[in-house]
Amino acid sequence: MGVETKIEPTTIPRMPRGVRLKHDETRDEWLLLAPERVVKPNPSAIEILKRCDGKANVSEIVQALAEQFSADPALIERDVRALLNELAAKRMLDL
């Protein structure tokens, strides 16, 4: 397991240059594209990644998802932090 990055509520995640979330119209699916890599994120990861725009902080992302899905913010925060750590370790997300 890799080293986890300390993620604060004020951390603003963004995709680094060369990484983007793209909807493939032909296959009707979302893909996370990076140099020499393609990842097919699950539906919850897609919703998190859509908000990693370099503007919203972790707290705002969690709150928006909790409101959108009427879910417990603590559970949402756990999932958001896990995904952000995983993608940051793979250099597919900047924190």
Foldseek 3Di string as FASTA:
>chain_A
DDDFDDADQQAQKAFDPQWDWDQDPVVRAIWIGHVVDIDGDDPLVVLLHVRSHRPHGLNRSLVVVCVVVVHDSVVSSVVSSVVQRVCVVVSRMDD
